[in-house]
Amino acid sequence: MDISTSEDLLTSGLIDSMGAIQLVGFVENRFHIKIPAEDLVVENFITIDAMCKYIKKSQRDN
């Protein structure tokens, strides 16, 4: 299955609420970052592009 980096992962049904929780855990482990509660917003995880932007920002801030 091909998905666009700008595709909405939630409304497309690719990720449900449990998948979102697992995704956050994966991102924290894979990129060695801790995602604070205030950053657990849809805008940071809605697309692959949004996640990449958030991860890059988080790594710069550390």
PDB file of N, CA and C in Angstrom:
ATOM      1  N   MET A   1       0.833  -1.171   0.000  1.00  0.00           N
ATOM      2  CA  MET A   1       0.000   0.000   0.000  1.00  0.00           C
ATOM      3  C   MET A   1       0.881   1.240   0.000  1.00  0.00           C
ATOM      4  N   ASP A   2       0.657   2.110  -0.942  1.00  0.00           N
ATOM      5  CA  ASP A   2       1.395   3.367  -1.023  1.00  0.00           C
ATOM      6  C   ASP A   2       0.586   4.462  -0.343  1.00  0.00           C
ATOM      7  N   ILE A   3       1.265   5.245   0.465  1.00  0.00           N
ATOM      8  CA  ILE A   3       0.612   6.405   1.070  1.00  0.00           C
ATOM      9  C   ILE A   3       1.480   7.629   0.833  1.00  0.00           C
ATOM     10  N   SER A   4       0.832   8.741   0.702  1.00  0.00           N
ATOM     11  CA  SER A   4       1.517  10.012   0.514  1.00  0.00           C
ATOM     12  C   SER A   4       2.019  10.511   1.864  1.00  0.00           C
ATOM     13  N   THR A   5       3.108  11.238   1.859  1.00  0.00           N
ATOM     14  CA  THR A   5       3.630  11.792   3.112  1.00  0.00           C
ATOM     15  C   THR A   5       2.729  12.890   3.658  1.00  0.00           C
ATOM     16  N   SER A   6       1.778  13.352   2.836  1.00  0.00           N
ATOM     17  CA  SER A   6       0.846  14.384   3.283  1.00  0.00           C
ATOM     18  C   SER A   6      -0.551  13.830   3.554  1.00  0.00           C
ATOM     19  N   GLU A   7      -0.702  12.513   3.482  1.00  0.00           N
ATOM     20  CA  GLU A   7      -2.012  11.894   3.707  1.00  0.00           C
ATOM     21  C   GLU A   7      -2.372  11.910   5.192  1.00  0.00           C
ATOM     22  N   ASP A   8      -3.604  12.275   5.484  1.00  0.00           N
ATOM     23  CA  ASP A   8      -4.120  12.294   6.849  1.00  0.00           C
ATOM     24  C   ASP A   8      -4.253  10.847   7.332  1.00  0.00           C
ATOM     25  N   LEU A   9      -3.405  10.466   8.268  1.00  0.00           N
ATOM     26  CA  LEU A   9      -3.346   9.079   8.723  1.00  0.00           C
ATOM     27  C   LEU A   9      -4.543   8.681   9.583  1.00  0.00           C
ATOM     28  N   LEU A  10      -5.167   9.643  10.228  1.00  0.00           N
ATOM     29  CA  LEU A  10      -6.289   9.348  11.112  1.00  0.00           C
ATOM     30  C   LEU A  10      -7.609   9.237  10.353  1.00  0.00           C
ATOM     31  N   THR A  11      -7.949  10.248   9.581  1.00  0.00           N
ATOM     32  CA  THR A  11      -9.236  10.198   8.884  1.00  0.00           C
ATOM     33  C   THR A  11      -9.239   9.180   7.749  1.00  0.00           C
ATOM     34  N   SER A  12      -8.064   8.818   7.264  1.00  0.00           N
ATOM     35  CA  SER A  12      -7.992   7.794   6.212  1.00  0.00           C
ATOM     36  C   SER A  12      -8.200   6.397   6.783  1.00  0.00           C
ATOM     37  N   GLY A  13      -8.130   6.278   8.114  1.00  0.00           N
ATOM     38  CA  GLY A  13      -8.304   4.975   8.747  1.00  0.00           C
ATOM     39  C   GLY A  13      -7.019   4.166   8.859  1.00  0.00           C
ATOM     40  N   LEU A  14      -5.893   4.730   8.448  1.00  0.00           N
ATOM     41  CA  LEU A  14      -4.624   4.010   8.539  1.00  0.00           C
ATOM     42  C   LEU A  14      -4.194   3.823   9.991  1.00  0.00           C
ATOM     43  N   ILE A  15      -4.565   4.759  10.850  1.00  0.00           N
ATOM     44  CA  ILE A  15      -4.209   4.679  12.265  1.00  0.00           C
ATOM     45  C   ILE A  15      -5.464   4.963  13.086  1.00  0.00           C
ATOM     46  N   ASP A  16      -5.700   4.126  14.087  1.00  0.00           N
ATOM     47  CA  ASP A  16      -6.787   4.386  15.036  1.00  0.00           C
ATOM     48  C   ASP A  16      -6.170   4.907  16.333  1.00  0.00           C
ATOM     49  N   SER A  17      -6.980   5.081  17.371  1.00  0.00           N
ATOM     50  CA  SER A  17      -6.463   5.669  18.614  1.00  0.00           C
ATOM     51  C   SER A  17      -5.377   4.801  19.247  1.00  0.00           C
ATOM     52  N   MET A  18      -5.533   3.491  19.213  1.00  0.00           N
ATOM     53  CA  MET A  18      -4.503   2.602  19.764  1.00  0.00           C
ATOM     54  C   MET A  18      -3.229   2.677  18.916  1.00  0.00           C
ATOM     55  N   GLY A  19      -3.400   2.750  17.623  1.00  0.00           N
ATOM     56  CA  GLY A  19      -2.256   2.885  16.729  1.00  0.00           C
ATOM     57  C   GLY A  19      -1.506   4.180  16.961  1.00  0.00           C
ATOM     58  N   ALA A  20      -2.238   5.238  17.288  1.00  0.00           N
ATOM     59  CA  ALA A  20      -1.603   6.527  17.564  1.00  0.00           C
ATOM     60  C   ALA A  20      -0.728   6.429  18.811  1.00  0.00           C
ATOM     61  N   ILE A  21      -1.212   5.737  19.820  1.00  0.00           N
ATOM     62  CA  ILE A  21      -0.425   5.545  21.050  1.00  0.00           C
ATOM     63  C   ILE A  21       0.837   4.743  20.747  1.00  0.00           C
ATOM     64  N   GLN A  22       0.690   3.704  19.947  1.00  0.00           N
ATOM     65  CA  GLN A  22       1.846   2.894  19.576  1.00  0.00           C
ATOM     66  C   GLN A  22       2.835   3.701  18.734  1.00  0.00           C
ATOM     67  N   LEU A  23       2.309   4.547  17.864  1.00  0.00           N
ATOM     68  CA  LEU A  23       3.161   5.380  17.027  1.00  0.00           C
ATOM     69  C   LEU A  23       3.994   6.333  17.868  1.00  0.00           C
ATOM     70  N   VAL A  24       3.384   6.942  18.865  1.00  0.00           N
ATOM     71  CA  VAL A  24       4.110   7.854  19.756  1.00  0.00           C
ATOM     72  C   VAL A  24       5.248   7.102  20.455  1.00  0.00           C
ATOM     73  N   GLY A  25       4.966   5.914  20.964  1.00  0.00           N
ATOM     74  CA  GLY A  25       6.001   5.103  21.604  1.00  0.00           C
ATOM     75  C   GLY A  25       7.123   4.750  20.651  1.00  0.00           C
ATOM     76  N   PHE A  26       6.765   4.399  19.419  1.00  0.00           N
ATOM     77  CA  PHE A  26       7.773   4.080  18.408  1.00  0.00           C
ATOM     78  C   PHE A  26       8.666   5.287  18.137  1.00  0.00           C
ATOM     79  N   VAL A  27       8.049   6.447  17.942  1.00  0.00           N
ATOM     80  CA  VAL A  27       8.816   7.658  17.649  1.00  0.00           C
ATOM     81  C   VAL A  27       9.774   7.979  18.798  1.00  0.00           C
ATOM     82  N   GLU A  28       9.286   7.877  20.034  1.00  0.00           N
ATOM     83  CA  GLU A  28      10.155   8.147  21.190  1.00  0.00           C
ATOM     84  C   GLU A  28      11.344   7.190  21.220  1.00  0.00           C
ATOM     85  N   ASN A  29      11.092   5.913  21.009  1.00  0.00           N
ATOM     86  CA  ASN A  29      12.171   4.918  21.054  1.00  0.00           C
ATOM     87  C   ASN A  29      13.129   5.041  19.880  1.00  0.00           C
ATOM     88  N   ARG A  30      12.586   5.188  18.706  1.00  0.00           N
ATOM     89  CA  ARG A  30      13.408   5.201  17.494  1.00  0.00           C
ATOM     90  C   ARG A  30      14.287   6.444  17.402  1.00  0.00           C
ATOM     91  N   PHE A  31      13.738   7.588  17.824  1.00  0.00           N
ATOM     92  CA  PHE A  31      14.464   8.847  17.663  1.00  0.00           C
ATOM     93  C   PHE A  31      15.019   9.391  18.975  1.00  0.00           C
ATOM     94  N   HIS A  32      14.919   8.589  20.033  1.00  0.00           N
ATOM     95  CA  HIS A  32      15.498   8.935  21.330  1.00  0.00           C
ATOM     96  C   HIS A  32      15.050  10.311  21.814  1.00  0.00           C
ATOM     97  N   ILE A  33      13.746  10.521  21.749  1.00  0.00           N
ATOM     98  CA  ILE A  33      13.174  11.766  22.242  1.00  0.00           C
ATOM     99  C   ILE A  33      12.049  11.426  23.220  1.00  0.00           C
ATOM    100  N   LYS A  34      11.744  12.350  24.098  1.00  0.00           N
ATOM    101  CA  LYS A  34      10.608  12.217  25.008  1.00  0.00           C
ATOM    102  C   LYS A  34       9.578  13.249  24.564  1.00  0.00           C
ATOM    103  N   ILE A  35       8.393  12.782  24.250  1.00  0.00           N
ATOM    104  CA  ILE A  35       7.341  13.668  23.780  1.00  0.00           C
ATOM    105  C   ILE A  35       6.503  14.103  24.981  1.00  0.00           C
ATOM    106  N   PRO A  36       6.579  15.388  25.329  1.00  0.00           N
ATOM    107  CA  PRO A  36       5.808  15.866  26.480  1.00  0.00           C
ATOM    108  C   PRO A  36       4.313  15.880  26.166  1.00  0.00           C
ATOM    109  N   ALA A  37       3.498  15.803  27.206  1.00  0.00           N
ATOM    110  CA  ALA A  37       2.042  15.743  27.050  1.00  0.00           C
ATOM    111  C   ALA A  37       1.509  16.892  26.201  1.00  0.00           C
ATOM    112  N   GLU A  38       2.071  18.074  26.348  1.00  0.00           N
ATOM    113  CA  GLU A  38       1.560  19.223  25.592  1.00  0.00           C
ATOM    114  C   GLU A  38       1.812  19.106  24.088  1.00  0.00           C
ATOM    115  N   ASP A  39       2.724  18.216  23.686  1.00  0.00           N
ATOM    116  CA  ASP A  39       2.998  17.997  22.262  1.00  0.00           C
ATOM    117  C   ASP A  39       2.195  16.840  21.668  1.00  0.00           C
ATOM    118  N   LEU A  40       1.422  16.158  22.500  1.00  0.00           N
ATOM    119  CA  LEU A  40       0.597  15.048  22.018  1.00  0.00           C
ATOM    120  C   LEU A  40      -0.703  15.592  21.436  1.00  0.00           C
ATOM    121  N   VAL A  41      -0.548  16.286  20.324  1.00  0.00           N
ATOM    122  CA  VAL A  41      -1.683  16.879  19.622  1.00  0.00           C
ATOM    123  C   VAL A  41      -1.732  16.324  18.201  1.00  0.00           C
ATOM    124  N   VAL A  42      -2.914  16.298  17.660  1.00  0.00           N
ATOM    125  CA  VAL A  42      -3.126  15.733  16.324  1.00  0.00           C
ATOM    126  C   VAL A  42      -2.210  16.378  15.295  1.00  0.00           C
ATOM    127  N   GLU A  43      -2.015  17.676  15.384  1.00  0.00           N
ATOM    128  CA  GLU A  43      -1.221  18.393  14.388  1.00  0.00           C
ATOM    129  C   GLU A  43       0.204  17.850  14.252  1.00  0.00           C
ATOM    130  N   ASN A  44       0.756  17.285  15.312  1.00  0.00           N
ATOM    131  CA  ASN A  44       2.125  16.756  15.253  1.00  0.00           C
ATOM    132  C   ASN A  44       2.206  15.352  14.659  1.00  0.00           C
ATOM    133  N   PHE A  45       1.066  14.652  14.547  1.00  0.00           N
ATOM    134  CA  PHE A  45       1.103  13.251  14.124  1.00  0.00           C
ATOM    135  C   PHE A  45       0.099  12.925  13.030  1.00  0.00           C
ATOM    136  N   ILE A  46      -0.510  13.929  12.435  1.00  0.00           N
ATOM    137  CA  ILE A  46      -1.581  13.720  11.462  1.00  0.00           C
ATOM    138  C   ILE A  46      -1.067  13.172  10.129  1.00  0.00           C
ATOM    139  N   THR A  47       0.152  13.553   9.753  1.00  0.00           N
ATOM    140  CA  THR A  47       0.756  13.083   8.503  1.00  0.00           C
ATOM    141  C   THR A  47       2.215  12.705   8.757  1.00  0.00           C
ATOM    142  N   ILE A  48       2.784  12.016   7.825  1.00  0.00           N
ATOM    143  CA  ILE A  48       4.211  11.689   7.919  1.00  0.00           C
ATOM    144  C   ILE A  48       5.030  12.973   7.873  1.00  0.00           C
ATOM    145  N   ASP A  49       4.630  13.909   7.021  1.00  0.00           N
ATOM    146  CA  ASP A  49       5.333  15.197   6.950  1.00  0.00           C
ATOM    147  C   ASP A  49       5.319  15.911   8.301  1.00  0.00           C
ATOM    148  N   ALA A  50       4.155  15.922   8.962  1.00  0.00           N
ATOM    149  CA  ALA A  50       4.031  16.581  10.271  1.00  0.00           C
ATOM    150  C   ALA A  50       4.927  15.907  11.304  1.00  0.00           C
ATOM    151  N   MET A  51       4.980  14.575  11.274  1.00  0.00           N
ATOM    152  CA  MET A  51       5.828  13.850  12.221  1.00  0.00           C
ATOM    153  C   MET A  51       7.301  14.157  11.981  1.00  0.00           C
ATOM    154  N   CYS A  52       7.711  14.181  10.730  1.00  0.00           N
ATOM    155  CA  CYS A  52       9.113  14.492  10.416  1.00  0.00           C
ATOM    156  C   CYS A  52       9.483  15.882  10.913  1.00  0.00           C
ATOM    157  N   LYS A  53       8.604  16.844  10.687  1.00  0.00           N
ATOM    158  CA  LYS A  53       8.839  18.209  11.148  1.00  0.00           C
ATOM    159  C   LYS A  53       8.951  18.246  12.669  1.00  0.00           C
ATOM    160  N   TYR A  54       8.049  17.555  13.362  1.00  0.00           N
ATOM    161  CA  TYR A  54       8.072  17.531  14.819  1.00  0.00           C
ATOM    162  C   TYR A  54       9.347  16.853  15.333  1.00  0.00           C
ATOM    163  N   ILE A  55       9.725  15.730  14.760  1.00  0.00           N
ATOM    164  CA  ILE A  55      10.918  14.996  15.184  1.00  0.00           C
ATOM    165  C   ILE A  55      12.164  15.856  15.009  1.00  0.00           C
ATOM    166  N   LYS A  56      12.295  16.510  13.854  1.00  0.00           N
ATOM    167  CA  LYS A  56      13.453  17.366  13.609  1.00  0.00           C
ATOM    168  C   LYS A  56      13.526  18.499  14.625  1.00  0.00           C
ATOM    169  N   LYS A  57      12.378  19.122  14.906  1.00  0.00           N
ATOM    170  CA  LYS A  57      12.335  20.202  15.890  1.00  0.00           C
ATOM    171  C   LYS A  57      12.722  19.679  17.273  1.00  0.00           C
ATOM    172  N   SER A  58      12.214  18.521  17.648  1.00  0.00           N
ATOM    173  CA  SER A  58      12.504  17.936  18.957  1.00  0.00           C
ATOM    174  C   SER A  58      13.985  17.605  19.100  1.00  0.00           C
ATOM    175  N   GLN A  59      14.593  17.113  18.046  1.00  0.00           N
ATOM    176  CA  GLN A  59      16.012  16.782  18.108  1.00  0.00           C
ATOM    177  C   GLN A  59      16.866  18.037  18.197  1.00  0.00           C
ATOM    178  N   ARG A  60      16.471  19.121  17.560  1.00  0.00           N
ATOM    179  CA  ARG A  60      17.201  20.387  17.632  1.00  0.00           C
ATOM    180  C   ARG A  60      17.099  20.974  19.041  1.00  0.00           C
ATOM    181  N   ASP A  61      15.917  20.826  19.657  1.00  0.00           N
ATOM    182  CA  ASP A  61      15.672  21.399  20.981  1.00  0.00           C
ATOM    183  C   ASP A  61      16.431  20.662  22.090  1.00  0.00           C
ATOM    184  N   ASN A  62      16.865  19.442  21.830  1.00  0.00           N
ATOM    185  CA  ASN A  62      17.575  18.646  22.869  1.00  0.00           C
ATOM    186  C   ASN A  62      19.048  18.857  22.845  1.00  0.00           C
TER     187      ASN A  62
END
